Protein backbone atom coordinates (compact mmCIF):
# COMPACT_ATOMS: atom_id res chain seq x y z
CA MET A 1 -90.29 -43.00 -78.07
CA LYS A 2 -87.01 -41.54 -76.88
CA MET A 3 -86.97 -43.81 -73.83
CA GLN A 4 -87.53 -46.83 -76.07
CA LEU A 5 -84.56 -45.82 -78.22
CA LEU A 6 -82.42 -45.34 -75.14
CA HIS A 7 -83.45 -48.76 -73.87
CA LEU A 8 -82.56 -50.37 -77.20
CA TYR A 9 -79.23 -48.56 -77.21
CA LYS A 10 -78.43 -49.71 -73.68
CA ALA A 11 -79.47 -53.28 -74.51
CA ASN A 12 -77.24 -53.21 -77.58
CA GLU A 13 -74.30 -51.90 -75.57
CA PHE A 14 -74.92 -54.56 -72.94
CA LEU A 15 -74.93 -57.31 -75.57
CA LYS A 16 -71.70 -55.96 -77.03
CA PHE A 17 -70.15 -55.92 -73.58
CA LYS A 18 -71.26 -59.48 -72.88
CA GLU A 19 -69.92 -60.56 -76.26
CA ILE A 20 -66.55 -58.98 -75.49
CA GLU A 21 -66.60 -60.54 -72.03
CA ILE A 22 -67.34 -63.99 -73.49
CA ASN A 23 -64.67 -63.54 -76.16
CA GLY A 24 -62.21 -62.34 -73.54
CA THR A 25 -62.80 -65.36 -71.31
CA SER A 26 -62.64 -67.78 -74.22
CA VAL A 27 -59.36 -66.20 -75.32
CA THR A 28 -57.86 -66.47 -71.83
CA ASN A 29 -59.17 -70.01 -71.39
CA GLY A 30 -58.21 -71.21 -74.83
């Protein structure tokens, strides 16, 4: 159960990071 929560947390952090990365590139490009 704990591992599943950790996995979800990491996935969420990864998505946030990708979102920031995408926003960052779109800001620099646009």
